Amino acid sequence: QVQLVESGGGLVQPGGSLRLSCAASGSAFSIYVMGWYRQAPGKQRELVASITSGGSTNYVDSVKGRFTISRGSAKNTMYLQMDSLKPEDTAVYYCNAKTLVVTTIINSWGQGTQVTVSS
């Protein structure tokens, strides 16, 4: 089991920046990919960015060049640096971790943190 706790959300003006953090505990050593998802009101949850245990990253097109995903040196923390924020980035952001148990992918989720971009 992996437990995830996010922090760093808040209210920011358009063009501003925020940094989200996600701390993993429990069986964090078994995580092979971590990611940030977001869900805006009335919309489906979408993958924003992901990072593998080897450091490979992936971003949704709408955030490329503005958001940066990274992992801490201890590998049990993950960050999302969000720059040049836009109102359409407003959503609840969730930390996700995937572990592989034999042939089954187990998804762990954080509780979510609200990001609001508004003037």
Protein backbone atom coordinates (compact mmCIF):
# COMPACT_ATOMS: atom_id res chain seq x y z
CA GLN A 1 0.00 0.00 0.00
CA VAL A 2 1.13 3.51 -0.85
CA GLN A 3 -0.20 6.61 0.88
CA LEU A 4 0.02 9.97 -0.88
CA VAL A 5 -0.35 13.46 0.55
CA GLU A 6 -0.45 16.56 -1.67
CA SER A 7 0.23 20.14 -0.72
CA GLY A 8 0.82 23.49 -2.39
CA GLY A 9 -2.48 24.39 -4.02
CA GLY A 10 -4.12 27.77 -3.71
CA LEU A 11 -5.35 30.87 -5.47
CA VAL A 12 -3.10 32.58 -7.99
CA GLN A 13 -3.54 35.26 -10.64
CA PRO A 14 -3.20 34.43 -14.34
CA GLY A 15 0.46 34.33 -15.29
CA GLY A 16 1.48 33.35 -11.79
CA SER A 17 3.17 30.23 -10.46
CA LEU A 18 2.49 27.46 -7.97
CA ARG A 19 4.43 24.41 -6.88
CA LEU A 20 2.60 21.27 -5.88
CA SER A 21 4.21 18.59 -3.74
CA CYS A 22 3.31 14.96 -3.20
CA ALA A 23 4.80 12.84 -0.43
CA ALA A 24 4.58 9.06 -0.67
CA SER A 25 4.80 6.66 2.25
CA GLY A 26 4.21 2.98 2.81
CA SER A 27 5.49 0.77 -0.01
CA ALA A 28 6.93 3.74 -1.90
CA PHE A 29 9.89 1.65 -3.05
CA SER A 30 7.54 -0.31 -5.33
CA ILE A 31 6.33 2.72 -7.30
CA TYR A 32 7.24 2.59 -11.00
CA VAL A 33 5.48 5.72 -12.21
CA MET A 34 4.00 8.77 -10.53
CA GLY A 35 1.81 11.44 -12.02
CA TRP A 36 -0.40 14.46 -11.54
CA TYR A 37 -4.00 14.38 -12.67
CA ARG A 38 -6.56 17.16 -12.54
CA GLN A 39 -10.31 17.39 -12.60
CA ALA A 40 -12.22 20.56 -13.34
CA PRO A 41 -15.93 20.91 -12.50
CA GLY A 42 -18.06 19.00 -15.00
CA LYS A 43 -15.03 17.45 -16.71
CA GLN A 44 -13.31 14.10 -16.61
CA ARG A 45 -10.10 13.62 -14.70
CA GLU A 46 -7.12 14.00 -17.02
CA LEU A 47 -3.45 13.17 -16.81
CA VAL A 48 -1.38 16.34 -16.62
CA ALA A 49 2.14 14.95 -16.30
CA SER A 50 3.91 11.75 -15.31
CA ILE A 51 7.41 10.64 -14.39
CA THR A 52 8.81 7.11 -14.30
CA SER A 53 11.21 5.68 -11.77
CA GLY A 54 13.88 6.13 -14.44
CA GLY A 55 13.09 9.82 -14.80
CA SER A 56 11.24 9.82 -18.12
CA THR A 57 8.54 12.49 -18.25
CA ASN A 58 5.35 13.00 -20.19
CA TYR A 59 3.03 16.02 -20.40
CA VAL A 60 -0.39 16.75 -21.81
CA ASP A 61 -0.07 19.19 -24.71
CA SER A 62 -1.89 22.01 -22.92
CA VAL A 63 0.81 22.32 -20.22
CA LYS A 64 3.97 21.65 -22.23
CA GLY A 65 6.49 24.42 -21.72
CA ARG A 66 4.65 25.73 -18.64
CA PHE A 67 4.64 22.83 -16.16
CA THR A 68 7.60 20.78 -14.95
CA ILE A 69 7.31 17.47 -13.11
CA SER A 70 10.16 16.19 -10.98
CA ARG A 71 10.99 13.78 -8.18
CA GLY A 72 12.99 14.42 -5.06
CA SER A 73 16.34 12.79 -4.40
CA ALA A 74 14.71 10.31 -2.03
CA LYS A 75 12.29 9.27 -4.82
CA ASN A 76 9.36 9.32 -2.41
CA THR A 77 8.44 12.89 -3.24
CA MET A 78 7.15 14.42 -6.45
CA TYR A 79 6.68 18.00 -7.52
CA LEU A 80 4.78 19.91 -10.16
CA GLN A 81 6.11 23.37 -10.91
CA MET A 82 3.36 25.30 -12.64
CA ASP A 83 4.29 28.55 -14.37
CA SER A 84 2.35 30.92 -16.62
CA LEU A 85 -0.86 29.65 -15.12
CA LYS A 86 -4.10 30.18 -17.01
CA PRO A 87 -7.71 30.22 -15.80
CA GLU A 88 -8.26 26.92 -17.62
CA ASP A 89 -5.71 25.30 -15.30
CA THR A 90 -8.21 25.68 -12.47
CA ALA A 91 -9.00 22.24 -11.09
CA VAL A 92 -8.46 19.85 -8.24
CA TYR A 93 -5.03 18.28 -8.73
CA TYR A 94 -4.42 14.70 -7.63
CA CYS A 95 -1.20 12.85 -7.06
CA ASN A 96 -1.11 9.30 -8.41
CA ALA A 97 1.30 6.43 -7.95
CA LYS A 98 1.27 3.12 -9.79
CA THR A 99 2.74 -0.06 -8.41
CA LEU A 100 2.87 -3.48 -10.02
CA VAL A 101 1.83 -6.48 -7.95
CA VAL A 102 2.58 -9.59 -10.04
CA THR A 103 0.58 -8.62 -13.15
CA THR A 104 -1.85 -6.17 -11.55
CA ILE A 105 -1.38 -2.39 -11.61
CA ILE A 106 -2.40 -0.82 -8.33
CA ASN A 107 -3.34 2.88 -8.40
CA SER A 108 -2.93 4.99 -5.28
CA TRP A 109 -4.39 8.50 -5.04
CA GLY A 110 -3.91 11.50 -2.85
CA GLN A 111 -6.80 13.50 -1.44
CA GLY A 112 -6.44 16.29 -3.99
CA THR A 113 -5.47 19.94 -3.74
CA GLN A 114 -7.41 22.84 -5.24
CA VAL A 115 -5.70 25.14 -7.74
CA THR A 116 -7.64 28.26 -8.71
CA VAL A 117 -6.33 30.68 -11.32
CA SER A 118 -8.32 33.89 -11.26
CA SER A 119 -7.88 37.63 -11.17
